[in-house]
């Protein structure tokens, strides 16, 4: 699941957990950064609004958390026949650090090549959200903004451009979804896509 902050990824994943419960082999849900004890510690650093860090420090920390998640959670479950649904993965680093921070998509991809190895998504759902709707949703949120969410509209514009470029470059992998649709409708669409992927 990919998209800008406030695009509804967490809500969609929560609905999918119910929609896909009880399948055999099971569907495992995880998130980035996070998903393991070490990666959750790294997540706390990355999202701490009181901390400042350089763009490459940020990129390396995301890659480190990803390496931990892949080796300890994602790869073993895939090898065991499970389906893994991850809230954010490599595309987020390409969009946020490659485009948003201006580090370059190729450079960030090269950095993450050691973290992911051969583990790449079979299917990615990109929740496309207009800047106006994102601003509206951010204003409705009661939770304090984390370090990434508070960067600003110009940064998020570059991130959005990154996601759009990725979706254009890999249309066979990336499914673009209208994030303004009802969460239940989106969950049904994604459910059918995942079930179709599992039946191949």
N, C-alpha and C. Protein backbone atom coordinates (compact mmCIF):
# COMPACT_ATOMS: atom_id res chain seq x y z
N UNK A 1 0.85 -1.18 0.00
CA UNK A 1 0.00 0.00 0.00
C UNK A 1 0.88 1.24 0.00
N UNK A 2 0.70 2.10 -0.96
CA UNK A 2 1.53 3.29 -1.06
C UNK A 2 0.66 4.53 -1.22
N UNK A 3 1.25 5.67 -0.92
CA UNK A 3 0.56 6.93 -1.10
C UNK A 3 1.05 7.98 -0.13
N UNK A 4 0.59 9.20 -0.33
CA UNK A 4 0.96 10.30 0.55
C UNK A 4 0.37 10.10 1.94
N UNK A 5 0.91 10.82 2.90
CA UNK A 5 0.32 10.83 4.22
C UNK A 5 -1.13 11.29 4.12
N UNK A 6 -1.99 10.67 4.92
CA UNK A 6 -3.43 10.96 4.98
C UNK A 6 -4.20 10.45 3.76
N UNK A 7 -3.59 9.58 2.97
CA UNK A 7 -4.31 9.04 1.81
C UNK A 7 -5.21 7.87 2.18
N UNK A 8 -5.12 7.37 3.42
CA UNK A 8 -6.03 6.33 3.87
C UNK A 8 -5.46 4.93 3.87
N UNK A 9 -4.14 4.80 3.83
CA UNK A 9 -3.51 3.47 3.79
C UNK A 9 -3.85 2.65 5.03
N UNK A 10 -3.71 3.24 6.20
CA UNK A 10 -3.96 2.49 7.44
C UNK A 10 -5.41 2.06 7.56
N UNK A 11 -6.32 2.94 7.16
CA UNK A 11 -7.74 2.59 7.19
C UNK A 11 -8.03 1.43 6.25
N UNK A 12 -7.46 1.48 5.06
CA UNK A 12 -7.67 0.42 4.08
C UNK A 12 -7.10 -0.91 4.58
N UNK A 13 -5.91 -0.87 5.13
CA UNK A 13 -5.28 -2.09 5.65
C UNK A 13 -6.13 -2.69 6.78
N UNK A 14 -6.66 -1.84 7.64
CA UNK A 14 -7.50 -2.31 8.74
C UNK A 14 -8.72 -3.06 8.21
N UNK A 15 -9.36 -2.54 7.16
CA UNK A 15 -10.51 -3.21 6.56
C UNK A 15 -10.11 -4.52 5.89
N UNK A 16 -8.96 -4.52 5.25
CA UNK A 16 -8.50 -5.72 4.55
C UNK A 16 -8.19 -6.86 5.51
N UNK A 17 -7.75 -6.52 6.71
CA UNK A 17 -7.49 -7.58 7.69
C UNK A 17 -8.74 -8.39 7.95
N UNK A 18 -9.89 -7.73 7.99
CA UNK A 18 -11.15 -8.45 8.16
C UNK A 18 -11.57 -9.16 6.88
N UNK A 19 -11.39 -8.49 5.75
CA UNK A 19 -11.81 -9.05 4.46
C UNK A 19 -11.03 -10.31 4.09
N UNK A 20 -9.77 -10.38 4.51
CA UNK A 20 -8.90 -11.49 4.09
C UNK A 20 -8.59 -12.45 5.22
N UNK A 21 -9.30 -12.32 6.33
CA UNK A 21 -9.06 -13.21 7.48
C UNK A 21 -9.49 -14.63 7.14
N UNK A 22 -8.74 -15.60 7.67
CA UNK A 22 -9.13 -16.99 7.53
C UNK A 22 -8.68 -17.68 6.26
N UNK A 23 -7.95 -16.98 5.40
CA UNK A 23 -7.48 -17.62 4.17
C UNK A 23 -6.35 -18.61 4.47
N UNK A 24 -6.20 -19.60 3.61
CA UNK A 24 -5.14 -20.58 3.77
C UNK A 24 -4.44 -20.76 2.42
N UNK A 25 -3.16 -20.44 2.32
CA UNK A 25 -2.28 -19.92 3.37
C UNK A 25 -2.70 -18.49 3.77
N UNK A 26 -2.31 -18.08 4.97
CA UNK A 26 -2.80 -16.81 5.51
C UNK A 26 -2.18 -15.59 4.83
N UNK A 27 -2.81 -14.45 5.09
CA UNK A 27 -2.29 -13.15 4.66
C UNK A 27 -1.69 -12.47 5.89
N UNK A 28 -0.42 -12.08 5.77
CA UNK A 28 0.25 -11.41 6.88
C UNK A 28 0.33 -9.92 6.58
N UNK A 29 0.01 -9.09 7.57
CA UNK A 29 0.04 -7.65 7.41
C UNK A 29 1.20 -7.07 8.22
N UNK A 30 1.90 -6.13 7.62
CA UNK A 30 2.98 -5.46 8.32
C UNK A 30 3.09 -4.03 7.79
N UNK A 31 4.05 -3.26 8.32
CA UNK A 31 4.15 -1.86 7.91
C UNK A 31 5.60 -1.41 7.89
N UNK A 32 5.81 -0.30 7.21
CA UNK A 32 7.12 0.34 7.18
C UNK A 32 7.00 1.81 7.55
N UNK A 33 8.03 2.36 8.20
CA UNK A 33 9.06 1.58 8.88
C UNK A 33 8.45 0.88 10.09
N UNK A 34 8.95 -0.28 10.42
CA UNK A 34 8.43 -1.03 11.56
C UNK A 34 8.30 -2.50 11.24
N UNK A 35 7.47 -3.17 12.01
CA UNK A 35 7.20 -4.58 11.76
C UNK A 35 8.06 -5.55 12.54
N UNK A 36 9.17 -5.09 13.11
CA UNK A 36 9.99 -5.89 14.01
C UNK A 36 10.40 -4.98 15.17
N UNK A 37 10.95 -5.58 16.22
CA UNK A 37 11.35 -4.77 17.36
C UNK A 37 12.36 -3.70 17.00
N UNK A 38 13.38 -4.09 16.25
CA UNK A 38 14.42 -3.13 15.84
C UNK A 38 13.83 -2.07 14.92
N UNK A 39 13.06 -2.51 13.93
CA UNK A 39 12.50 -1.56 12.96
C UNK A 39 11.54 -0.59 13.60
N UNK A 40 10.82 -1.02 14.64
CA UNK A 40 9.92 -0.10 15.34
C UNK A 40 10.71 0.96 16.10
N UNK A 41 11.88 0.59 16.63
CA UNK A 41 12.75 1.57 17.28
C UNK A 41 13.23 2.60 16.26
N UNK A 42 13.60 2.13 15.08
CA UNK A 42 14.03 3.03 14.01
C UNK A 42 12.88 3.94 13.60
N UNK A 43 11.67 3.39 13.53
CA UNK A 43 10.50 4.20 13.19
C UNK A 43 10.33 5.36 14.15
N UNK A 44 10.51 5.08 15.44
CA UNK A 44 10.36 6.13 16.44
C UNK A 44 11.35 7.26 16.20
N UNK A 45 12.57 6.93 15.81
CA UNK A 45 13.57 7.96 15.49
C UNK A 45 13.16 8.76 14.26
N UNK A 46 12.75 8.06 13.22
CA UNK A 46 12.43 8.71 11.95
C UNK A 46 11.25 9.67 12.05
N UNK A 47 10.28 9.33 12.88
CA UNK A 47 9.06 10.13 12.94
C UNK A 47 9.03 11.12 14.10
N UNK A 48 10.07 11.13 14.92
CA UNK A 48 10.12 12.01 16.09
C UNK A 48 10.21 13.47 15.64
N UNK A 49 9.18 14.28 15.92
CA UNK A 49 9.19 15.67 15.45
C UNK A 49 10.24 16.54 16.15
N UNK A 50 10.82 16.04 17.23
CA UNK A 50 11.84 16.81 17.95
C UNK A 50 13.23 16.61 17.38
N UNK A 51 13.40 15.65 16.48
CA UNK A 51 14.71 15.34 15.93
C UNK A 51 14.90 15.97 14.56
N UNK A 52 16.13 16.37 14.28
CA UNK A 52 16.50 16.81 12.94
C UNK A 52 17.57 15.86 12.43
N UNK A 53 17.52 15.55 11.15
CA UNK A 53 18.54 14.68 10.56
C UNK A 53 18.71 15.03 9.09
N UNK A 54 19.87 14.70 8.56
CA UNK A 54 20.15 14.95 7.16
C UNK A 54 19.39 13.99 6.26
N UNK A 55 19.18 14.37 4.99
CA UNK A 55 18.42 13.53 4.06
C UNK A 55 19.02 12.13 3.89
N UNK A 56 20.36 12.02 3.81
CA UNK A 56 20.95 10.70 3.64
C UNK A 56 20.86 9.88 4.91
N UNK A 57 20.95 10.53 6.07
CA UNK A 57 20.73 9.80 7.33
C UNK A 57 19.35 9.20 7.33
N UNK A 58 18.37 10.00 6.95
CA UNK A 58 16.99 9.53 6.86
C UNK A 58 16.87 8.34 5.91
N UNK A 59 17.48 8.47 4.74
CA UNK A 59 17.40 7.40 3.74
C UNK A 59 18.04 6.10 4.25
N UNK A 60 19.17 6.21 4.91
CA UNK A 60 19.84 5.02 5.43
C UNK A 60 19.04 4.38 6.55
N UNK A 61 18.40 5.18 7.39
CA UNK A 61 17.59 4.62 8.47
C UNK A 61 16.38 3.87 7.91
N UNK A 62 15.73 4.43 6.90
CA UNK A 62 14.62 3.72 6.27
C UNK A 62 15.11 2.41 5.66
N UNK A 63 16.26 2.44 5.00
CA UNK A 63 16.79 1.22 4.39
C UNK A 63 17.14 0.18 5.45
N UNK A 64 17.69 0.64 6.59
CA UNK A 64 18.04 -0.29 7.67
C UNK A 64 16.80 -0.97 8.24
N UNK A 65 15.76 -0.18 8.48
CA UNK A 65 14.51 -0.76 8.98
C UNK A 65 13.93 -1.74 7.96
N UNK A 66 14.04 -1.41 6.68
CA UNK A 66 13.51 -2.28 5.62
C UNK A 66 14.29 -3.59 5.57
N UNK A 67 15.61 -3.52 5.68
CA UNK A 67 16.43 -4.74 5.66
C UNK A 67 16.02 -5.67 6.80
N UNK A 68 15.79 -5.12 7.98
CA UNK A 68 15.39 -5.91 9.14
C UNK A 68 14.04 -6.57 8.90
N UNK A 69 13.09 -5.81 8.36
CA UNK A 69 11.75 -6.33 8.11
C UNK A 69 11.77 -7.44 7.06
N UNK A 70 12.51 -7.21 5.99
CA UNK A 70 12.58 -8.21 4.91
C UNK A 70 13.16 -9.52 5.43
N UNK A 71 14.28 -9.44 6.14
CA UNK A 71 14.96 -10.66 6.57
C UNK A 71 14.22 -11.40 7.67
N UNK A 72 13.59 -10.68 8.58
CA UNK A 72 12.97 -11.34 9.74
C UNK A 72 11.49 -11.65 9.57
N UNK A 73 10.81 -10.92 8.68
CA UNK A 73 9.38 -11.11 8.56
C UNK A 73 8.92 -11.45 7.14
N UNK A 74 9.24 -10.59 6.18
CA UNK A 74 8.65 -10.75 4.85
C UNK A 74 9.18 -12.00 4.15
N UNK A 75 10.49 -12.13 4.04
CA UNK A 75 11.06 -13.26 3.29
C UNK A 75 10.68 -14.61 3.89
N UNK A 76 10.79 -14.80 5.20
CA UNK A 76 10.39 -16.09 5.76
C UNK A 76 8.92 -16.43 5.50
N UNK A 77 8.05 -15.43 5.55
CA UNK A 77 6.63 -15.69 5.33
C UNK A 77 6.35 -16.00 3.86
N UNK A 78 7.01 -15.31 2.96
CA UNK A 78 6.85 -15.63 1.54
C UNK A 78 7.34 -17.04 1.24
N UNK A 79 8.47 -17.40 1.82
CA UNK A 79 9.01 -18.75 1.62
C UNK A 79 8.09 -19.81 2.21
N UNK A 80 7.29 -19.43 3.22
CA UNK A 80 6.33 -20.34 3.81
C UNK A 80 4.99 -20.38 3.08
N UNK A 81 4.88 -19.65 1.99
CA UNK A 81 3.67 -19.67 1.17
C UNK A 81 2.64 -18.62 1.52
N UNK A 82 2.93 -17.75 2.48
CA UNK A 82 1.98 -16.72 2.86
C UNK A 82 1.98 -15.55 1.87
N UNK A 83 0.89 -14.81 1.87
CA UNK A 83 0.81 -13.53 1.17
C UNK A 83 1.14 -12.44 2.18
N UNK A 84 1.96 -11.48 1.79
CA UNK A 84 2.34 -10.39 2.68
C UNK A 84 1.80 -9.08 2.12
N UNK A 85 1.07 -8.35 2.94
CA UNK A 85 0.60 -7.01 2.60
C UNK A 85 1.35 -6.03 3.49
N UNK A 86 2.08 -5.12 2.85
CA UNK A 86 2.93 -4.19 3.59
C UNK A 86 2.47 -2.76 3.34
N UNK A 87 2.23 -2.05 4.43
CA UNK A 87 1.87 -0.64 4.35
C UNK A 87 3.15 0.16 4.18
N UNK A 88 3.42 0.58 2.97
CA UNK A 88 4.64 1.21 2.49
C UNK A 88 5.74 0.18 2.27
N UNK A 89 6.57 0.48 1.23
CA UNK A 89 7.76 -0.34 0.97
C UNK A 89 8.72 0.53 0.17
N UNK A 90 9.45 -0.05 -0.75
CA UNK A 90 10.52 0.65 -1.45
C UNK A 90 10.05 1.92 -2.15
N UNK A 91 8.86 1.87 -2.76
CA UNK A 91 8.36 3.05 -3.49
C UNK A 91 8.30 4.29 -2.60
N UNK A 92 8.01 4.11 -1.32
CA UNK A 92 7.97 5.26 -0.42
C UNK A 92 9.33 5.92 -0.30
N UNK A 93 10.38 5.12 -0.23
CA UNK A 93 11.72 5.72 -0.16
C UNK A 93 12.07 6.43 -1.46
N UNK A 94 11.70 5.83 -2.58
CA UNK A 94 11.96 6.49 -3.86
C UNK A 94 11.23 7.83 -3.94
N UNK A 95 9.97 7.84 -3.48
CA UNK A 95 9.18 9.07 -3.57
C UNK A 95 9.59 10.10 -2.53
N UNK A 96 9.74 9.68 -1.27
CA UNK A 96 10.00 10.63 -0.19
C UNK A 96 11.46 11.08 -0.15
N UNK A 97 12.39 10.14 -0.24
CA UNK A 97 13.80 10.54 -0.18
C UNK A 97 14.37 10.84 -1.57
N UNK A 98 14.01 10.01 -2.55
CA UNK A 98 14.52 10.24 -3.90
C UNK A 98 14.01 11.53 -4.52
N UNK A 99 12.69 11.70 -4.50
CA UNK A 99 12.07 12.89 -5.08
C UNK A 99 11.90 14.01 -4.05
N UNK A 100 11.28 13.68 -2.92
CA UNK A 100 11.00 14.70 -1.91
C UNK A 100 12.24 15.38 -1.37
N UNK A 101 13.22 14.58 -0.97
CA UNK A 101 14.47 15.13 -0.43
C UNK A 101 15.49 15.47 -1.50
N UNK A 102 15.21 15.07 -2.74
CA UNK A 102 16.10 15.42 -3.85
C UNK A 102 17.36 14.58 -3.93
N UNK A 103 17.34 13.37 -3.34
CA UNK A 103 18.53 12.52 -3.37
C UNK A 103 18.68 11.76 -4.69
N UNK A 104 17.61 11.67 -5.44
CA UNK A 104 17.64 10.95 -6.70
C UNK A 104 17.07 9.54 -6.55
N UNK A 105 16.10 9.21 -7.42
CA UNK A 105 15.45 7.90 -7.32
C UNK A 105 16.43 6.76 -7.55
N UNK A 106 17.33 6.91 -8.51
CA UNK A 106 18.29 5.84 -8.80
C UNK A 106 19.22 5.63 -7.62
N UNK A 107 19.69 6.72 -7.02
CA UNK A 107 20.60 6.61 -5.89
C UNK A 107 19.92 5.93 -4.69
N UNK A 108 18.68 6.29 -4.43
CA UNK A 108 17.96 5.68 -3.31
C UNK A 108 17.65 4.22 -3.61
N UNK A 109 17.35 3.91 -4.86
CA UNK A 109 17.12 2.51 -5.23
C UNK A 109 18.39 1.69 -5.03
N UNK A 110 19.53 2.24 -5.44
CA UNK A 110 20.80 1.54 -5.25
C UNK A 110 21.08 1.28 -3.77
N UNK A 111 20.84 2.28 -2.94
CA UNK A 111 21.04 2.12 -1.50
C UNK A 111 20.19 0.98 -0.96
N UNK A 112 18.96 0.89 -1.43
CA UNK A 112 18.03 -0.11 -0.91
C UNK A 112 18.18 -1.49 -1.55
N UNK A 113 19.03 -1.59 -2.56
CA UNK A 113 19.19 -2.89 -3.21
C UNK A 113 19.68 -3.95 -2.24
N UNK A 114 20.52 -3.55 -1.29
CA UNK A 114 21.01 -4.49 -0.29
C UNK A 114 19.94 -4.81 0.75
N UNK A 115 19.04 -3.86 0.97
CA UNK A 115 18.00 -4.06 1.97
C UNK A 115 16.93 -5.03 1.50
N UNK A 116 16.54 -4.93 0.23
CA UNK A 116 15.42 -5.75 -0.27
C UNK A 116 15.88 -7.01 -0.98
N UNK A 117 17.09 -7.02 -1.53
CA UNK A 117 17.52 -8.18 -2.30
C UNK A 117 16.58 -8.42 -3.46
N UNK A 118 16.05 -9.62 -3.52
CA UNK A 118 15.11 -9.97 -4.59
C UNK A 118 13.65 -9.81 -4.18
N UNK A 119 13.42 -9.30 -2.97
CA UNK A 119 12.04 -9.18 -2.46
C UNK A 119 11.44 -7.86 -2.93
N UNK A 120 10.59 -7.94 -3.93
CA UNK A 120 9.90 -6.77 -4.47
C UNK A 120 8.42 -7.09 -4.61
N UNK A 121 7.57 -6.09 -4.53
CA UNK A 121 6.12 -6.35 -4.58
C UNK A 121 5.67 -6.92 -5.93
N UNK A 122 4.77 -7.90 -5.86
CA UNK A 122 4.11 -8.38 -7.08
C UNK A 122 3.07 -7.37 -7.54
N UNK A 123 2.48 -6.67 -6.58
CA UNK A 123 1.40 -5.73 -6.87
C UNK A 123 1.44 -4.60 -5.85
N UNK A 124 1.31 -3.38 -6.35
CA UNK A 124 1.33 -2.20 -5.48
C UNK A 124 0.07 -1.39 -5.72
N UNK A 125 -0.58 -0.99 -4.64
CA UNK A 125 -1.76 -0.13 -4.71
C UNK A 125 -1.36 1.28 -4.29
N UNK A 126 -1.44 2.20 -5.23
CA UNK A 126 -1.10 3.60 -4.96
C UNK A 126 -2.38 4.39 -4.77
N UNK A 127 -2.57 4.90 -3.56
CA UNK A 127 -3.75 5.69 -3.24
C UNK A 127 -3.51 7.15 -3.63
N UNK A 128 -4.08 7.54 -4.73
CA UNK A 128 -3.90 8.91 -5.24
C UNK A 128 -4.88 9.86 -4.55
N UNK A 129 -4.33 10.95 -4.01
CA UNK A 129 -5.14 11.92 -3.27
C UNK A 129 -4.77 13.33 -3.71
N UNK A 130 -5.78 14.16 -3.94
CA UNK A 130 -5.51 15.53 -4.35
C UNK A 130 -4.89 16.31 -3.20
N UNK A 131 -4.09 17.34 -3.50
CA UNK A 131 -3.51 18.18 -2.43
C UNK A 131 -4.59 18.80 -1.55
N UNK A 132 -5.70 19.19 -2.16
CA UNK A 132 -6.77 19.83 -1.39
C UNK A 132 -7.38 18.85 -0.38
N UNK A 133 -7.60 17.62 -0.83
CA UNK A 133 -8.17 16.62 0.07
C UNK A 133 -7.18 16.23 1.15
N UNK A 134 -5.91 16.16 0.80
CA UNK A 134 -4.90 15.84 1.80
C UNK A 134 -4.86 16.91 2.89
N UNK A 135 -4.91 18.17 2.49
CA UNK A 135 -4.91 19.27 3.45
C UNK A 135 -6.14 19.20 4.35
N UNK A 136 -7.29 18.87 3.75
CA UNK A 136 -8.52 18.78 4.52
C UNK A 136 -8.43 17.67 5.56
N UNK A 137 -7.92 16.51 5.14
CA UNK A 137 -7.80 15.38 6.06
C UNK A 137 -6.78 15.67 7.17
N UNK A 138 -5.69 16.31 6.80
CA UNK A 138 -4.68 16.64 7.81
C UNK A 138 -5.26 17.57 8.86
N UNK A 139 -6.11 18.50 8.43
CA UNK A 139 -6.73 19.44 9.36
C UNK A 139 -7.73 18.79 10.29
N UNK A 140 -8.31 17.67 9.86
CA UNK A 140 -9.29 16.96 10.68
C UNK A 140 -8.64 16.04 11.71
N UNK A 141 -7.37 15.72 11.50
CA UNK A 141 -6.70 14.75 12.37
C UNK A 141 -6.43 15.35 13.75
N UNK A 142 -6.73 14.56 14.78
CA UNK A 142 -6.47 15.00 16.15
C UNK A 142 -5.04 14.67 16.59
N UNK A 143 -4.40 13.75 15.89
CA UNK A 143 -3.05 13.33 16.28
C UNK A 143 -2.03 14.40 15.88
N UNK A 144 -1.00 14.62 16.71
CA UNK A 144 0.04 15.58 16.33
C UNK A 144 0.80 15.10 15.10
N UNK A 145 1.23 16.03 14.28
CA UNK A 145 1.95 15.67 13.06
C UNK A 145 3.33 15.13 13.40
N UNK A 146 3.75 14.06 12.69
CA UNK A 146 5.08 13.53 12.91
C UNK A 146 6.11 14.32 12.08
N UNK A 147 7.36 13.92 12.16
CA UNK A 147 8.44 14.69 11.54
C UNK A 147 8.28 14.80 10.02
N UNK A 148 7.77 13.74 9.39
CA UNK A 148 7.59 13.76 7.94
C UNK A 148 6.34 14.54 7.56
N UNK A 149 5.27 14.34 8.29
CA UNK A 149 4.00 14.99 7.94
C UNK A 149 4.08 16.51 8.03
N UNK A 150 4.98 17.04 8.86
CA UNK A 150 5.01 18.48 9.05
C UNK A 150 5.98 19.20 8.12
N UNK A 151 6.56 18.49 7.16
CA UNK A 151 7.57 19.11 6.29
C UNK A 151 6.98 20.22 5.43
N UNK A 152 5.78 20.02 4.89
CA UNK A 152 5.17 21.10 4.13
C UNK A 152 4.69 20.69 2.75
N UNK A 153 3.89 21.58 2.14
CA UNK A 153 3.23 21.28 0.87
C UNK A 153 4.21 21.15 -0.29
N UNK A 154 5.26 21.96 -0.31
CA UNK A 154 6.21 21.89 -1.42
C UNK A 154 6.90 20.53 -1.45
N UNK A 155 7.30 20.07 -0.28
CA UNK A 155 7.91 18.74 -0.18
C UNK A 155 6.92 17.67 -0.63
N UNK A 156 5.69 17.74 -0.13
CA UNK A 156 4.69 16.73 -0.49
C UNK A 156 4.37 16.76 -1.98
N UNK A 157 4.47 17.93 -2.59
CA UNK A 157 4.27 18.02 -4.03
C UNK A 157 5.32 17.23 -4.78
N UNK A 158 6.57 17.30 -4.32
CA UNK A 158 7.64 16.52 -4.95
C UNK A 158 7.44 15.03 -4.72
N UNK A 159 6.98 14.67 -3.52
CA UNK A 159 6.70 13.27 -3.22
C UNK A 159 5.60 12.74 -4.13
N UNK A 160 4.55 13.52 -4.28
CA UNK A 160 3.45 13.13 -5.16
C UNK A 160 3.94 12.93 -6.59
N UNK A 161 4.79 13.84 -7.07
CA UNK A 161 5.35 13.70 -8.41
C UNK A 161 6.13 12.40 -8.53
N UNK A 162 6.82 12.02 -7.45
CA UNK A 162 7.56 10.77 -7.45
C UNK A 162 6.65 9.57 -7.58
N UNK A 163 5.59 9.53 -6.80
CA UNK A 163 4.64 8.42 -6.90
C UNK A 163 4.00 8.35 -8.28
N UNK A 164 3.68 9.51 -8.84
CA UNK A 164 3.07 9.53 -10.17
C UNK A 164 4.04 9.00 -11.22
N UNK A 165 5.30 9.36 -11.10
CA UNK A 165 6.31 8.87 -12.05
C UNK A 165 6.48 7.36 -11.92
N UNK A 166 6.51 6.86 -10.70
CA UNK A 166 6.63 5.41 -10.49
C UNK A 166 5.43 4.68 -11.10
N UNK A 167 4.24 5.22 -10.90
CA UNK A 167 3.04 4.56 -11.43
C UNK A 167 3.03 4.57 -12.95
N UNK A 168 3.55 5.63 -13.55
CA UNK A 168 3.63 5.67 -15.03
C UNK A 168 4.68 4.71 -15.55
N UNK A 169 5.78 4.58 -14.83
CA UNK A 169 6.89 3.74 -15.29
C UNK A 169 6.59 2.25 -15.16
N UNK A 170 5.72 1.88 -14.19
CA UNK A 170 5.45 0.46 -13.95
C UNK A 170 3.95 0.19 -13.85
N UNK A 171 3.22 0.44 -14.92
CA UNK A 171 1.76 0.27 -14.87
C UNK A 171 1.33 -1.18 -14.66
N UNK A 172 2.18 -2.14 -15.01
CA UNK A 172 1.82 -3.54 -14.84
C UNK A 172 1.86 -3.95 -13.37
N UNK A 173 2.60 -3.22 -12.56
CA UNK A 173 2.70 -3.52 -11.13
C UNK A 173 1.84 -2.59 -10.28
N UNK A 174 1.79 -1.32 -10.62
CA UNK A 174 1.14 -0.31 -9.78
C UNK A 174 -0.30 -0.08 -10.21
N UNK A 175 -1.22 -0.34 -9.30
CA UNK A 175 -2.64 -0.03 -9.51
C UNK A 175 -2.94 1.30 -8.84
N UNK A 176 -3.40 2.26 -9.61
CA UNK A 176 -3.72 3.58 -9.07
C UNK A 176 -5.18 3.59 -8.62
N UNK A 177 -5.39 3.93 -7.35
CA UNK A 177 -6.74 3.96 -6.78
C UNK A 177 -7.10 5.39 -6.38
N UNK A 178 -8.35 5.74 -6.54
CA UNK A 178 -8.86 7.05 -6.14
C UNK A 178 -9.09 7.04 -4.63
N UNK A 179 -8.19 7.69 -3.90
CA UNK A 179 -8.26 7.65 -2.43
C UNK A 179 -9.43 8.43 -1.86
N UNK A 180 -10.17 9.15 -2.70
CA UNK A 180 -11.34 9.88 -2.21
C UNK A 180 -12.58 8.99 -2.15
N UNK A 181 -12.49 7.78 -2.71
CA UNK A 181 -13.62 6.86 -2.66
C UNK A 181 -13.83 6.33 -1.24
N UNK A 182 -14.99 5.77 -1.00
CA UNK A 182 -15.29 5.21 0.32
C UNK A 182 -14.32 4.08 0.64
N UNK A 183 -13.81 4.03 1.88
CA UNK A 183 -12.85 2.99 2.25
C UNK A 183 -13.36 1.57 1.97
N UNK A 184 -14.64 1.32 2.22
CA UNK A 184 -15.20 -0.01 1.97
C UNK A 184 -15.14 -0.39 0.50
N UNK A 185 -15.38 0.57 -0.37
CA UNK A 185 -15.31 0.33 -1.81
C UNK A 185 -13.88 0.01 -2.23
N UNK A 186 -12.93 0.77 -1.69
CA UNK A 186 -11.53 0.51 -1.99
C UNK A 186 -11.10 -0.86 -1.49
N UNK A 187 -11.56 -1.23 -0.30
CA UNK A 187 -11.20 -2.52 0.28
C UNK A 187 -11.69 -3.67 -0.60
N UNK A 188 -12.88 -3.55 -1.15
CA UNK A 188 -13.41 -4.60 -2.02
C UNK A 188 -12.58 -4.72 -3.30
N UNK A 189 -12.19 -3.58 -3.85
CA UNK A 189 -11.37 -3.58 -5.06
C UNK A 189 -10.04 -4.27 -4.81
N UNK A 190 -9.38 -3.89 -3.71
CA UNK A 190 -8.07 -4.46 -3.39
C UNK A 190 -8.20 -5.94 -3.06
N UNK A 191 -9.25 -6.29 -2.34
CA UNK A 191 -9.48 -7.71 -2.00
C UNK A 191 -9.54 -8.57 -3.25
N UNK A 192 -10.30 -8.13 -4.24
CA UNK A 192 -10.42 -8.90 -5.47
C UNK A 192 -9.09 -9.02 -6.20
N UNK A 193 -8.31 -7.96 -6.20
CA UNK A 193 -7.00 -7.98 -6.85
C UNK A 193 -6.07 -8.97 -6.16
N UNK A 194 -6.07 -8.96 -4.82
CA UNK A 194 -5.20 -9.87 -4.07
C UNK A 194 -5.62 -11.32 -4.26
N UNK A 195 -6.91 -11.57 -4.22
CA UNK A 195 -7.39 -12.93 -4.44
C UNK A 195 -7.06 -13.41 -5.85
N UNK A 196 -7.14 -12.51 -6.82
CA UNK A 196 -6.78 -12.87 -8.19
C UNK A 196 -5.30 -13.19 -8.30
N UNK A 197 -4.47 -12.44 -7.59
CA UNK A 197 -3.03 -12.68 -7.61
C UNK A 197 -2.71 -14.04 -6.99
N UNK A 198 -3.39 -14.38 -5.91
CA UNK A 198 -3.14 -15.65 -5.23
C UNK A 198 -3.57 -16.86 -6.06
N UNK A 199 -4.52 -16.66 -6.97
CA UNK A 199 -5.04 -17.79 -7.74
C UNK A 199 -4.22 -18.10 -8.99
N UNK A 200 -3.22 -17.26 -9.25
CA UNK A 200 -2.42 -17.49 -10.47
C UNK A 200 -1.53 -18.71 -10.30
